[in-house]
């Protein structure tokens, strides 16, 4: 029996999960670039988030019922949980826009969303290469994820500075600060995924 038993489909589920997250991030950017029908489109993103929950539950269920796993059980659990966190935070940002009755988005929010989309696309590529055991490519993608996280962090800091400098309405400041924080936290969770992937590579490369 090899390292990756043929009857284990963890990587197939993780691949679907990562693709689902990318779908949500694409929808987030599309929403922000064409900010109309907010509640209707937020519901569509919520449905994607629910699909992510189903995939996460599927992984956790298989972890509890499978004796042999392709990589350490703890790594699979942490990877699935971190992926789920990214999707939760993307949905959280959208939900806050609905609850706060946001009527127009900022350029900084759009910029953060675009970089987050790029990051989720890289994560999907990394997980696909992990399945193929192309560990060198996984490491390269992890470096790119970390670079993008740093970029989003700089955008976040600049956005906060601009928010406090230019916006006079304290309620609007609070609203946008929370939305920005959700986007930045989603980026942090992307970095968590990269850290798990790097740890896996170190074990099996």
N, C-alpha and C. Protein backbone atom coordinates (compact mmCIF):
# COMPACT_ATOMS: atom_id res chain seq x y z
N UNK A 1 0.85 -1.19 0.00
CA UNK A 1 0.00 0.00 0.00
C UNK A 1 0.88 1.24 0.00
N UNK A 2 0.64 2.18 -0.92
CA UNK A 2 1.44 3.39 -1.02
C UNK A 2 1.03 4.42 0.00
N UNK A 3 1.70 5.55 -0.07
CA UNK A 3 1.42 6.64 0.85
C UNK A 3 0.01 7.18 0.64
N UNK A 4 -0.47 7.15 -0.61
CA UNK A 4 -1.77 7.69 -0.94
C UNK A 4 -2.68 6.56 -1.45
N UNK A 5 -3.37 5.87 -0.56
CA UNK A 5 -4.23 4.76 -0.98
C UNK A 5 -5.29 5.21 -1.97
N UNK A 6 -5.57 4.35 -2.95
CA UNK A 6 -6.48 4.72 -4.02
C UNK A 6 -7.91 4.88 -3.53
N UNK A 7 -8.28 4.23 -2.45
CA UNK A 7 -9.66 4.32 -2.00
C UNK A 7 -9.91 5.54 -1.10
N UNK A 8 -8.90 6.38 -0.89
CA UNK A 8 -9.06 7.58 -0.10
C UNK A 8 -9.30 8.77 -1.02
N UNK A 9 -10.36 9.51 -0.75
CA UNK A 9 -10.68 10.62 -1.64
C UNK A 9 -10.59 11.97 -0.93
N UNK A 10 -9.77 12.05 0.11
CA UNK A 10 -9.62 13.31 0.84
C UNK A 10 -9.18 14.46 -0.08
N UNK A 11 -8.23 14.20 -0.94
CA UNK A 11 -7.71 15.26 -1.79
C UNK A 11 -8.74 15.73 -2.80
N UNK A 12 -9.58 14.80 -3.24
CA UNK A 12 -10.64 15.18 -4.18
C UNK A 12 -11.62 16.13 -3.49
N UNK A 13 -11.93 15.85 -2.23
CA UNK A 13 -12.84 16.72 -1.48
C UNK A 13 -12.18 18.06 -1.20
N UNK A 14 -10.91 18.03 -0.80
CA UNK A 14 -10.19 19.28 -0.55
C UNK A 14 -10.11 20.12 -1.81
N UNK A 15 -9.90 19.48 -2.95
CA UNK A 15 -9.85 20.19 -4.22
C UNK A 15 -11.18 20.88 -4.51
N UNK A 16 -12.27 20.16 -4.29
CA UNK A 16 -13.60 20.74 -4.48
C UNK A 16 -13.83 21.89 -3.51
N UNK A 17 -13.35 21.73 -2.29
CA UNK A 17 -13.51 22.76 -1.27
C UNK A 17 -12.76 24.03 -1.68
N UNK A 18 -11.52 23.87 -2.13
CA UNK A 18 -10.72 25.02 -2.55
C UNK A 18 -11.34 25.71 -3.76
N UNK A 19 -11.88 24.92 -4.68
CA UNK A 19 -12.55 25.49 -5.85
C UNK A 19 -13.80 26.26 -5.44
N UNK A 20 -14.49 25.76 -4.44
CA UNK A 20 -15.70 26.41 -3.93
C UNK A 20 -15.34 27.76 -3.29
N UNK A 21 -14.22 27.81 -2.58
CA UNK A 21 -13.77 29.06 -1.98
C UNK A 21 -13.41 30.07 -3.06
N UNK A 22 -12.74 29.61 -4.10
CA UNK A 22 -12.42 30.49 -5.21
C UNK A 22 -13.69 31.04 -5.85
N UNK A 23 -14.69 30.19 -5.97
CA UNK A 23 -15.98 30.64 -6.52
C UNK A 23 -16.55 31.77 -5.68
N UNK A 24 -16.50 31.63 -4.37
CA UNK A 24 -17.01 32.67 -3.48
C UNK A 24 -16.22 33.97 -3.63
N UNK A 25 -14.91 33.86 -3.76
CA UNK A 25 -14.08 35.06 -3.88
C UNK A 25 -14.32 35.77 -5.21
N UNK A 26 -14.56 35.00 -6.27
CA UNK A 26 -14.91 35.58 -7.57
C UNK A 26 -16.23 36.32 -7.48
N UNK A 27 -17.20 35.72 -6.80
CA UNK A 27 -18.51 36.35 -6.61
C UNK A 27 -18.39 37.62 -5.76
N UNK A 28 -17.49 37.61 -4.78
CA UNK A 28 -17.27 38.79 -3.94
C UNK A 28 -16.75 39.95 -4.77
N UNK A 29 -15.75 39.69 -5.61
CA UNK A 29 -15.20 40.74 -6.47
C UNK A 29 -16.26 41.26 -7.43
N UNK A 30 -17.02 40.35 -8.03
CA UNK A 30 -18.06 40.76 -8.97
C UNK A 30 -19.10 41.63 -8.28
N UNK A 31 -19.45 41.29 -7.06
CA UNK A 31 -20.41 42.08 -6.29
C UNK A 31 -19.88 43.48 -6.03
N UNK A 32 -18.63 43.56 -5.61
CA UNK A 32 -18.07 44.86 -5.27
C UNK A 32 -17.86 45.74 -6.50
N UNK A 33 -17.54 45.13 -7.62
CA UNK A 33 -17.31 45.92 -8.83
C UNK A 33 -18.62 46.38 -9.48
N UNK A 34 -19.70 45.68 -9.18
CA UNK A 34 -21.01 46.06 -9.69
C UNK A 34 -22.00 45.95 -8.54
N UNK A 35 -22.00 46.97 -7.69
CA UNK A 35 -22.66 46.91 -6.39
C UNK A 35 -24.16 47.15 -6.51
N UNK A 36 -24.87 46.14 -7.03
CA UNK A 36 -26.32 46.21 -7.16
C UNK A 36 -26.90 44.89 -6.66
N UNK A 37 -28.19 44.91 -6.34
CA UNK A 37 -28.92 43.72 -5.86
C UNK A 37 -28.14 43.01 -4.73
N UNK A 38 -27.74 43.81 -3.74
CA UNK A 38 -26.86 43.30 -2.69
C UNK A 38 -27.45 42.09 -1.97
N UNK A 39 -28.68 42.20 -1.51
CA UNK A 39 -29.25 41.11 -0.71
C UNK A 39 -29.40 39.83 -1.54
N UNK A 40 -29.85 39.97 -2.77
CA UNK A 40 -30.02 38.80 -3.64
C UNK A 40 -28.69 38.10 -3.90
N UNK A 41 -27.67 38.88 -4.19
CA UNK A 41 -26.37 38.29 -4.49
C UNK A 41 -25.67 37.78 -3.23
N UNK A 42 -25.97 38.41 -2.10
CA UNK A 42 -25.44 37.92 -0.83
C UNK A 42 -25.98 36.52 -0.53
N UNK A 43 -27.24 36.29 -0.85
CA UNK A 43 -27.84 34.96 -0.66
C UNK A 43 -27.13 33.92 -1.52
N UNK A 44 -26.74 34.31 -2.73
CA UNK A 44 -26.02 33.38 -3.62
C UNK A 44 -24.66 33.01 -3.03
N UNK A 45 -23.98 34.00 -2.43
CA UNK A 45 -22.70 33.72 -1.79
C UNK A 45 -22.91 32.86 -0.54
N UNK A 46 -24.00 33.10 0.16
CA UNK A 46 -24.32 32.28 1.33
C UNK A 46 -24.51 30.81 0.94
N UNK A 47 -25.13 30.56 -0.20
CA UNK A 47 -25.31 29.19 -0.67
C UNK A 47 -23.96 28.52 -0.94
N UNK A 48 -23.01 29.29 -1.45
CA UNK A 48 -21.66 28.76 -1.67
C UNK A 48 -21.01 28.44 -0.33
N UNK A 49 -21.23 29.31 0.66
CA UNK A 49 -20.69 29.08 2.00
C UNK A 49 -21.28 27.81 2.61
N UNK A 50 -22.56 27.59 2.37
CA UNK A 50 -23.22 26.38 2.89
C UNK A 50 -22.66 25.13 2.23
N UNK A 51 -22.36 25.21 0.94
CA UNK A 51 -21.73 24.09 0.25
C UNK A 51 -20.36 23.79 0.86
N UNK A 52 -19.65 24.85 1.23
CA UNK A 52 -18.37 24.66 1.91
C UNK A 52 -18.52 23.94 3.23
N UNK A 53 -19.57 24.26 3.96
CA UNK A 53 -19.83 23.57 5.23
C UNK A 53 -20.08 22.08 5.00
N UNK A 54 -20.80 21.76 3.93
CA UNK A 54 -21.07 20.36 3.60
C UNK A 54 -19.77 19.62 3.31
N UNK A 55 -18.90 20.26 2.54
CA UNK A 55 -17.61 19.63 2.19
C UNK A 55 -16.74 19.45 3.43
N UNK A 56 -16.73 20.45 4.30
CA UNK A 56 -15.95 20.34 5.54
C UNK A 56 -16.48 19.20 6.40
N UNK A 57 -17.79 19.12 6.51
CA UNK A 57 -18.41 18.03 7.29
C UNK A 57 -18.06 16.68 6.68
N UNK A 58 -18.02 16.61 5.36
CA UNK A 58 -17.68 15.35 4.69
C UNK A 58 -16.25 14.92 5.04
N UNK A 59 -15.34 15.89 5.04
CA UNK A 59 -13.95 15.57 5.39
C UNK A 59 -13.86 15.10 6.84
N UNK A 60 -14.50 15.82 7.74
CA UNK A 60 -14.43 15.47 9.16
C UNK A 60 -15.05 14.10 9.41
N UNK A 61 -16.14 13.81 8.73
CA UNK A 61 -16.80 12.50 8.88
C UNK A 61 -15.88 11.38 8.42
N UNK A 62 -15.21 11.60 7.28
CA UNK A 62 -14.31 10.57 6.76
C UNK A 62 -13.09 10.39 7.67
N UNK A 63 -12.65 11.49 8.28
CA UNK A 63 -11.53 11.37 9.22
C UNK A 63 -11.89 10.49 10.41
N UNK A 64 -13.15 10.56 10.81
CA UNK A 64 -13.60 9.78 11.97
C UNK A 64 -13.91 8.33 11.63
N UNK A 65 -14.01 8.02 10.33
CA UNK A 65 -14.39 6.66 9.94
C UNK A 65 -13.31 5.95 9.12
N UNK A 66 -12.20 6.64 8.84
CA UNK A 66 -11.14 6.06 8.02
C UNK A 66 -9.92 5.75 8.88
N UNK A 67 -9.46 4.52 8.80
CA UNK A 67 -8.30 4.12 9.60
C UNK A 67 -7.00 4.66 9.02
N UNK A 68 -6.85 4.54 7.69
CA UNK A 68 -5.64 5.00 7.01
C UNK A 68 -5.95 6.28 6.26
N UNK A 69 -5.19 7.32 6.53
CA UNK A 69 -5.35 8.59 5.83
C UNK A 69 -4.10 8.87 5.00
N UNK A 70 -4.23 9.62 3.90
CA UNK A 70 -3.09 9.83 3.01
C UNK A 70 -1.98 10.65 3.63
N UNK A 71 -2.33 11.56 4.52
CA UNK A 71 -1.36 12.32 5.31
C UNK A 71 -1.86 12.33 6.75
N UNK A 72 -1.08 12.89 7.66
CA UNK A 72 -1.47 12.87 9.07
C UNK A 72 -2.88 13.40 9.27
N UNK A 73 -3.61 12.70 10.09
CA UNK A 73 -5.00 13.07 10.39
C UNK A 73 -5.10 14.52 10.87
N UNK A 74 -4.14 14.93 11.74
CA UNK A 74 -4.16 16.28 12.29
C UNK A 74 -3.98 17.33 11.20
N UNK A 75 -3.13 17.03 10.23
CA UNK A 75 -2.89 17.97 9.13
C UNK A 75 -4.14 18.11 8.26
N UNK A 76 -4.79 17.01 7.99
CA UNK A 76 -6.03 17.06 7.20
C UNK A 76 -7.10 17.87 7.92
N UNK A 77 -7.20 17.64 9.23
CA UNK A 77 -8.19 18.36 10.02
C UNK A 77 -7.91 19.86 10.01
N UNK A 78 -6.65 20.24 10.22
CA UNK A 78 -6.29 21.65 10.26
C UNK A 78 -6.46 22.31 8.89
N UNK A 79 -6.13 21.59 7.85
CA UNK A 79 -6.27 22.12 6.50
C UNK A 79 -7.74 22.37 6.18
N UNK A 80 -8.58 21.40 6.48
CA UNK A 80 -10.01 21.54 6.22
C UNK A 80 -10.61 22.69 7.03
N UNK A 81 -10.21 22.80 8.30
CA UNK A 81 -10.73 23.84 9.17
C UNK A 81 -10.31 25.23 8.69
N UNK A 82 -9.06 25.36 8.24
CA UNK A 82 -8.57 26.66 7.77
C UNK A 82 -9.27 27.06 6.47
N UNK A 83 -9.49 26.11 5.59
CA UNK A 83 -10.24 26.40 4.36
C UNK A 83 -11.65 26.86 4.69
N UNK A 84 -12.27 26.21 5.64
CA UNK A 84 -13.62 26.58 6.05
C UNK A 84 -13.64 27.99 6.63
N UNK A 85 -12.60 28.35 7.38
CA UNK A 85 -12.51 29.69 7.97
C UNK A 85 -12.45 30.77 6.90
N UNK A 86 -11.71 30.51 5.82
CA UNK A 86 -11.62 31.50 4.73
C UNK A 86 -13.01 31.80 4.19
N UNK A 87 -13.76 30.75 3.91
CA UNK A 87 -15.09 30.91 3.33
C UNK A 87 -16.03 31.60 4.31
N UNK A 88 -15.94 31.25 5.58
CA UNK A 88 -16.78 31.90 6.60
C UNK A 88 -16.53 33.40 6.65
N UNK A 89 -15.27 33.80 6.51
CA UNK A 89 -14.92 35.21 6.60
C UNK A 89 -15.31 35.98 5.34
N UNK A 90 -15.23 35.33 4.18
CA UNK A 90 -15.73 35.96 2.96
C UNK A 90 -17.22 36.22 3.09
N UNK A 91 -17.95 35.20 3.53
CA UNK A 91 -19.38 35.38 3.73
C UNK A 91 -19.64 36.42 4.81
N UNK A 92 -18.83 36.43 5.86
CA UNK A 92 -19.00 37.40 6.93
C UNK A 92 -18.88 38.83 6.44
N UNK A 93 -17.93 39.08 5.54
CA UNK A 93 -17.76 40.43 4.98
C UNK A 93 -19.00 40.84 4.20
N UNK A 94 -19.53 39.90 3.40
CA UNK A 94 -20.74 40.19 2.62
C UNK A 94 -21.93 40.41 3.53
N UNK A 95 -22.06 39.58 4.53
CA UNK A 95 -23.17 39.69 5.47
C UNK A 95 -23.15 41.04 6.19
N UNK A 96 -21.94 41.50 6.56
CA UNK A 96 -21.84 42.80 7.23
C UNK A 96 -22.31 43.92 6.30
N UNK A 97 -22.01 43.80 5.01
CA UNK A 97 -22.45 44.82 4.06
C UNK A 97 -23.97 44.89 4.00
N UNK A 98 -24.61 43.72 4.10
CA UNK A 98 -26.08 43.68 4.09
C UNK A 98 -26.62 44.26 5.40
N UNK A 99 -26.11 43.78 6.51
CA UNK A 99 -26.60 44.23 7.83
C UNK A 99 -26.39 45.73 8.02
N UNK A 100 -25.22 46.22 7.58
CA UNK A 100 -24.88 47.63 7.75
C UNK A 100 -25.52 48.52 6.68
N UNK A 101 -26.24 47.89 5.74
CA UNK A 101 -26.90 48.63 4.66
C UNK A 101 -25.93 49.53 3.89
N UNK A 102 -24.82 48.92 3.51
CA UNK A 102 -23.81 49.63 2.73
C UNK A 102 -24.39 49.93 1.34
N UNK A 103 -24.22 51.16 0.88
CA UNK A 103 -24.79 51.57 -0.41
C UNK A 103 -23.73 51.75 -1.50
N UNK A 104 -22.47 51.85 -1.09
CA UNK A 104 -21.38 51.99 -2.06
C UNK A 104 -20.11 51.43 -1.44
N UNK A 105 -19.27 50.81 -2.25
CA UNK A 105 -18.04 50.21 -1.73
C UNK A 105 -16.86 51.14 -1.96
N UNK A 106 -15.80 50.91 -1.22
CA UNK A 106 -14.59 51.70 -1.35
C UNK A 106 -13.63 51.03 -2.33
N UNK A 107 -12.74 51.82 -2.88
CA UNK A 107 -11.71 51.27 -3.78
C UNK A 107 -10.82 50.28 -3.04
N UNK A 108 -10.57 50.56 -1.75
CA UNK A 108 -9.70 49.70 -0.96
C UNK A 108 -10.35 48.33 -0.73
N UNK A 109 -11.67 48.31 -0.53
CA UNK A 109 -12.37 47.03 -0.36
C UNK A 109 -12.30 46.21 -1.64
N UNK A 110 -12.46 46.86 -2.77
CA UNK A 110 -12.36 46.17 -4.06
C UNK A 110 -10.96 45.61 -4.24
N UNK A 111 -9.95 46.42 -3.90
CA UNK A 111 -8.56 45.98 -4.05
C UNK A 111 -8.26 44.78 -3.17
N UNK A 112 -8.73 44.82 -1.92
CA UNK A 112 -8.52 43.69 -1.02
C UNK A 112 -9.22 42.44 -1.53
N UNK A 113 -10.43 42.60 -2.04
CA UNK A 113 -11.19 41.46 -2.55
C UNK A 113 -10.50 40.83 -3.75
N UNK A 114 -9.95 41.67 -4.63
CA UNK A 114 -9.25 41.14 -5.81
C UNK A 114 -8.01 40.35 -5.42
N UNK A 115 -7.25 40.88 -4.47
CA UNK A 115 -6.05 40.16 -4.04
C UNK A 115 -6.42 38.88 -3.30
N UNK A 116 -7.54 38.90 -2.58
CA UNK A 116 -8.02 37.69 -1.91
C UNK A 116 -8.43 36.64 -2.93
N UNK A 117 -9.08 37.08 -4.01
CA UNK A 117 -9.43 36.14 -5.07
C UNK A 117 -8.18 35.48 -5.65
N UNK A 118 -7.17 36.29 -5.92
CA UNK A 118 -5.92 35.74 -6.44
C UNK A 118 -5.33 34.72 -5.48
N UNK A 119 -5.40 35.03 -4.19
CA UNK A 119 -4.85 34.12 -3.17
C UNK A 119 -5.60 32.79 -3.15
N UNK A 120 -6.91 32.85 -3.23
CA UNK A 120 -7.69 31.60 -3.20
C UNK A 120 -7.41 30.76 -4.45
N UNK A 121 -7.17 31.41 -5.56
CA UNK A 121 -6.82 30.68 -6.79
C UNK A 121 -5.48 29.96 -6.62
N UNK A 122 -4.53 30.61 -5.95
CA UNK A 122 -3.23 29.98 -5.70
C UNK A 122 -3.39 28.80 -4.74
N UNK A 123 -4.23 28.95 -3.74
CA UNK A 123 -4.49 27.85 -2.81
C UNK A 123 -5.04 26.64 -3.55
N UNK A 124 -5.97 26.87 -4.46
CA UNK A 124 -6.53 25.76 -5.23
C UNK A 124 -5.44 25.05 -6.03
N UNK A 125 -4.55 25.82 -6.64
CA UNK A 125 -3.44 25.23 -7.39
C UNK A 125 -2.53 24.42 -6.47
N UNK A 126 -2.26 24.95 -5.28
CA UNK A 126 -1.36 24.28 -4.33
C UNK A 126 -1.94 22.94 -3.88
N UNK A 127 -3.22 22.91 -3.58
CA UNK A 127 -3.85 21.67 -3.13
C UNK A 127 -3.87 20.64 -4.27
N UNK A 128 -4.08 21.11 -5.49
CA UNK A 128 -4.05 20.21 -6.64
C UNK A 128 -2.66 19.59 -6.81
N UNK A 129 -1.62 20.40 -6.62
CA UNK A 129 -0.25 19.89 -6.73
C UNK A 129 0.09 18.97 -5.57
N UNK A 130 -0.51 19.22 -4.39
CA UNK A 130 -0.29 18.33 -3.25
C UNK A 130 -0.84 16.94 -3.58
N UNK A 131 -2.00 16.91 -4.19
CA UNK A 131 -2.60 15.63 -4.58
C UNK A 131 -1.68 14.87 -5.53
N UNK A 132 -1.02 15.62 -6.42
CA UNK A 132 -0.11 15.01 -7.39
C UNK A 132 1.28 14.76 -6.82
N UNK A 133 1.48 15.11 -5.56
CA UNK A 133 2.77 14.95 -4.86
C UNK A 133 3.88 15.76 -5.52
N UNK A 134 3.53 16.88 -6.12
CA UNK A 134 4.52 17.78 -6.71
C UNK A 134 4.88 18.84 -5.66
N UNK A 135 5.68 18.41 -4.70
CA UNK A 135 5.91 19.20 -3.50
C UNK A 135 6.66 20.51 -3.76
N UNK A 136 7.54 20.51 -4.77
CA UNK A 136 8.25 21.74 -5.10
C UNK A 136 7.29 22.84 -5.53
N UNK A 137 6.29 22.46 -6.33
CA UNK A 137 5.27 23.42 -6.76
C UNK A 137 4.44 23.90 -5.57
N UNK A 138 4.12 22.99 -4.65
CA UNK A 138 3.36 23.38 -3.46
C UNK A 138 4.11 24.44 -2.68
N UNK A 139 5.41 24.25 -2.49
CA UNK A 139 6.21 25.22 -1.76
C UNK A 139 6.23 26.57 -2.46
N UNK A 140 6.34 26.55 -3.79
CA UNK A 140 6.33 27.81 -4.55
C UNK A 140 5.01 28.54 -4.37
N UNK A 141 3.92 27.80 -4.39
CA UNK A 141 2.61 28.42 -4.21
C UNK A 141 2.45 28.97 -2.79
N UNK A 142 3.01 28.29 -1.81
CA UNK A 142 2.94 28.77 -0.43
C UNK A 142 3.67 30.10 -0.27
N UNK A 143 4.81 30.22 -0.94
CA UNK A 143 5.56 31.48 -0.92
C UNK A 143 4.70 32.60 -1.52
N UNK A 144 4.01 32.29 -2.61
CA UNK A 144 3.15 33.27 -3.26
C UNK A 144 1.97 33.66 -2.36
N UNK A 145 1.41 32.69 -1.66
CA UNK A 145 0.31 32.98 -0.72
C UNK A 145 0.78 33.93 0.37
N UNK A 146 1.97 33.68 0.90
CA UNK A 146 2.52 34.56 1.94
C UNK A 146 2.76 35.97 1.40
N UNK A 147 3.24 36.06 0.16
CA UNK A 147 3.47 37.38 -0.44
C UNK A 147 2.15 38.13 -0.60
N UNK A 148 1.13 37.45 -1.04
CA UNK A 148 -0.17 38.08 -1.23
C UNK A 148 -0.78 38.49 0.11
N UNK A 149 -0.57 37.68 1.14
CA UNK A 149 -1.07 38.05 2.47
C UNK A 149 -0.42 39.34 2.95
N UNK A 150 0.87 39.47 2.73
CA UNK A 150 1.57 40.71 3.11
C UNK A 150 1.02 41.90 2.34
N UNK A 151 0.71 41.68 1.06
CA UNK A 151 0.16 42.76 0.24
C UNK A 151 -1.21 43.19 0.74
N UNK A 152 -2.06 42.23 1.07
CA UNK A 152 -3.38 42.56 1.59
C UNK A 152 -3.27 43.26 2.94
N UNK A 153 -2.32 42.86 3.74
CA UNK A 153 -2.11 43.51 5.03
C UNK A 153 -1.75 44.98 4.84
N UNK A 154 -0.92 45.28 3.85
CA UNK A 154 -0.54 46.69 3.59
C UNK A 154 -1.75 47.48 3.09
N UNK A 155 -2.56 46.86 2.23
CA UNK A 155 -3.78 47.53 1.75
C UNK A 155 -4.71 47.82 2.93
N UNK A 156 -4.83 46.84 3.82
CA UNK A 156 -5.68 46.97 5.00
C UNK A 156 -5.24 48.14 5.88
N UNK A 157 -3.95 48.23 6.13
CA UNK A 157 -3.43 49.31 6.97
C UNK A 157 -3.66 50.67 6.31
N UNK A 158 -3.42 50.75 5.02
CA UNK A 158 -3.65 52.01 4.31
C UNK A 158 -5.13 52.37 4.30
N UNK A 159 -5.98 51.35 4.15
CA UNK A 159 -7.43 51.58 4.13
C UNK A 159 -7.91 52.12 5.47
N UNK A 160 -7.39 51.58 6.56
CA UNK A 160 -7.77 52.07 7.89
C UNK A 160 -7.32 53.52 8.07
N UNK A 161 -6.09 53.80 7.64
CA UNK A 161 -5.59 55.16 7.76
C UNK A 161 -6.45 56.15 7.00
N UNK A 162 -6.82 55.79 5.77
CA UNK A 162 -7.66 56.64 4.95
C UNK A 162 -9.05 56.78 5.55
N UNK A 163 -9.55 55.70 6.12
CA UNK A 163 -10.88 55.70 6.73
C UNK A 163 -10.96 56.72 7.86
N UNK A 164 -9.99 56.68 8.76
CA UNK A 164 -10.01 57.60 9.90
C UNK A 164 -9.66 59.03 9.51
N UNK A 165 -8.96 59.18 8.42
CA UNK A 165 -8.55 60.51 7.98
C UNK A 165 -9.65 61.23 7.21
N UNK A 166 -10.40 60.47 6.39
CA UNK A 166 -11.34 61.11 5.46
C UNK A 166 -12.80 61.02 5.85
N UNK A 167 -13.17 60.00 6.60
CA UNK A 167 -14.58 59.80 6.96
C UNK A 167 -14.88 60.49 8.28
N UNK A 168 -15.91 61.31 8.28
CA UNK A 168 -16.28 62.05 9.49
C UNK A 168 -17.36 61.34 10.31
N UNK A 169 -18.14 60.50 9.66
CA UNK A 169 -19.22 59.78 10.34
C UNK A 169 -18.64 58.60 11.12
N UNK A 170 -18.67 58.63 12.47
CA UNK A 170 -18.06 57.55 13.25
C UNK A 170 -18.75 56.20 13.05
N UNK A 171 -20.04 56.21 12.77
CA UNK A 171 -20.77 54.96 12.54
C UNK A 171 -20.28 54.30 11.26
N UNK A 172 -20.08 55.11 10.21
CA UNK A 172 -19.58 54.57 8.95
C UNK A 172 -18.16 54.04 9.10
N UNK A 173 -17.37 54.71 9.93
CA UNK A 173 -16.02 54.22 10.22
C UNK A 173 -16.07 52.83 10.84
N UNK A 174 -16.95 52.66 11.82
CA UNK A 174 -17.08 51.37 12.51
C UNK A 174 -17.51 50.27 11.53
N UNK A 175 -18.46 50.61 10.66
CA UNK A 175 -18.96 49.64 9.68
C UNK A 175 -17.84 49.17 8.76
N UNK A 176 -17.13 50.13 8.17
CA UNK A 176 -16.10 49.75 7.21
C UNK A 176 -14.89 49.10 7.87
N UNK A 177 -14.59 49.52 9.08
CA UNK A 177 -13.49 48.88 9.80
C UNK A 177 -13.77 47.39 9.98
N UNK A 178 -14.99 47.06 10.31
CA UNK A 178 -15.34 45.64 10.51
C UNK A 178 -15.30 44.86 9.20
N UNK A 179 -15.77 45.47 8.12
CA UNK A 179 -15.72 44.80 6.81
C UNK A 179 -14.28 44.56 6.38
N UNK A 180 -13.45 45.61 6.53
CA UNK A 180 -12.03 45.46 6.20
C UNK A 180 -11.38 44.35 7.02
N UNK A 181 -11.73 44.28 8.30
CA UNK A 181 -11.14 43.28 9.18
C UNK A 181 -11.51 41.87 8.74
N UNK A 182 -12.73 41.68 8.28
CA UNK A 182 -13.13 40.36 7.79
C UNK A 182 -12.31 39.96 6.56
N UNK A 183 -12.08 40.90 5.66
CA UNK A 183 -11.30 40.60 4.46
C UNK A 183 -9.85 40.31 4.82
N UNK A 184 -9.30 41.09 5.75
CA UNK A 184 -7.92 40.87 6.17
C UNK A 184 -7.78 39.56 6.93
N UNK A 185 -8.77 39.23 7.76
CA UNK A 185 -8.75 37.97 8.49
C UNK A 185 -8.84 36.78 7.53
N UNK A 186 -9.61 36.93 6.46
CA UNK A 186 -9.69 35.87 5.45
C UNK A 186 -8.32 35.63 4.83
N UNK A 187 -7.59 36.72 4.60
CA UNK A 187 -6.23 36.61 4.07
C UNK A 187 -5.32 35.90 5.06
N UNK A 188 -5.47 36.22 6.35
CA UNK A 188 -4.68 35.54 7.39
C UNK A 188 -4.93 34.04 7.38
N UNK A 189 -6.19 33.65 7.17
CA UNK A 189 -6.52 32.23 7.12
C UNK A 189 -5.92 31.56 5.89
N UNK A 190 -5.78 32.32 4.80
CA UNK A 190 -5.10 31.79 3.62
C UNK A 190 -3.64 31.48 3.97
N UNK A 191 -3.03 32.35 4.76
CA UNK A 191 -1.66 32.11 5.19
C UNK A 191 -1.60 30.88 6.11
N UNK A 192 -2.63 30.69 6.93
CA UNK A 192 -2.69 29.48 7.76
C UNK A 192 -2.70 28.23 6.89
N UNK A 193 -3.45 28.27 5.80
CA UNK A 193 -3.48 27.14 4.86
C UNK A 193 -2.08 26.89 4.31
N UNK A 194 -1.40 27.96 3.93
CA UNK A 194 -0.04 27.83 3.41
C UNK A 194 0.89 27.20 4.44
N UNK A 195 0.73 27.58 5.70
CA UNK A 195 1.57 27.03 6.76
C UNK A 195 1.34 25.53 6.94
N UNK A 196 0.08 25.11 6.85
CA UNK A 196 -0.23 23.68 6.95
C UNK A 196 0.36 22.93 5.77
N UNK A 197 0.20 23.50 4.58
CA UNK A 197 0.74 22.85 3.37
C UNK A 197 2.25 22.72 3.45
N UNK A 198 2.92 23.74 3.95
CA UNK A 198 4.38 23.69 4.07
C UNK A 198 4.78 22.61 5.07
N UNK A 199 4.04 22.48 6.15
CA UNK A 199 4.34 21.46 7.16
C UNK A 199 4.16 20.07 6.56
N UNK A 200 3.15 19.89 5.75
CA UNK A 200 2.91 18.60 5.09
C UNK A 200 4.06 18.28 4.14
N UNK A 201 4.48 19.27 3.37
CA UNK A 201 5.58 19.07 2.42
C UNK A 201 6.86 18.66 3.13
N UNK A 202 7.12 19.30 4.26
CA UNK A 202 8.32 18.97 5.03
C UNK A 202 8.32 17.52 5.50
N UNK A 203 7.14 17.00 5.78
CA UNK A 203 7.01 15.62 6.26
C UNK A 203 7.21 14.59 5.14
N UNK A 204 6.72 14.93 3.94
CA UNK A 204 6.62 13.91 2.90
C UNK A 204 7.51 14.12 1.69
N UNK A 205 8.13 15.30 1.59
CA UNK A 205 8.99 15.56 0.42
C UNK A 205 10.26 14.72 0.50
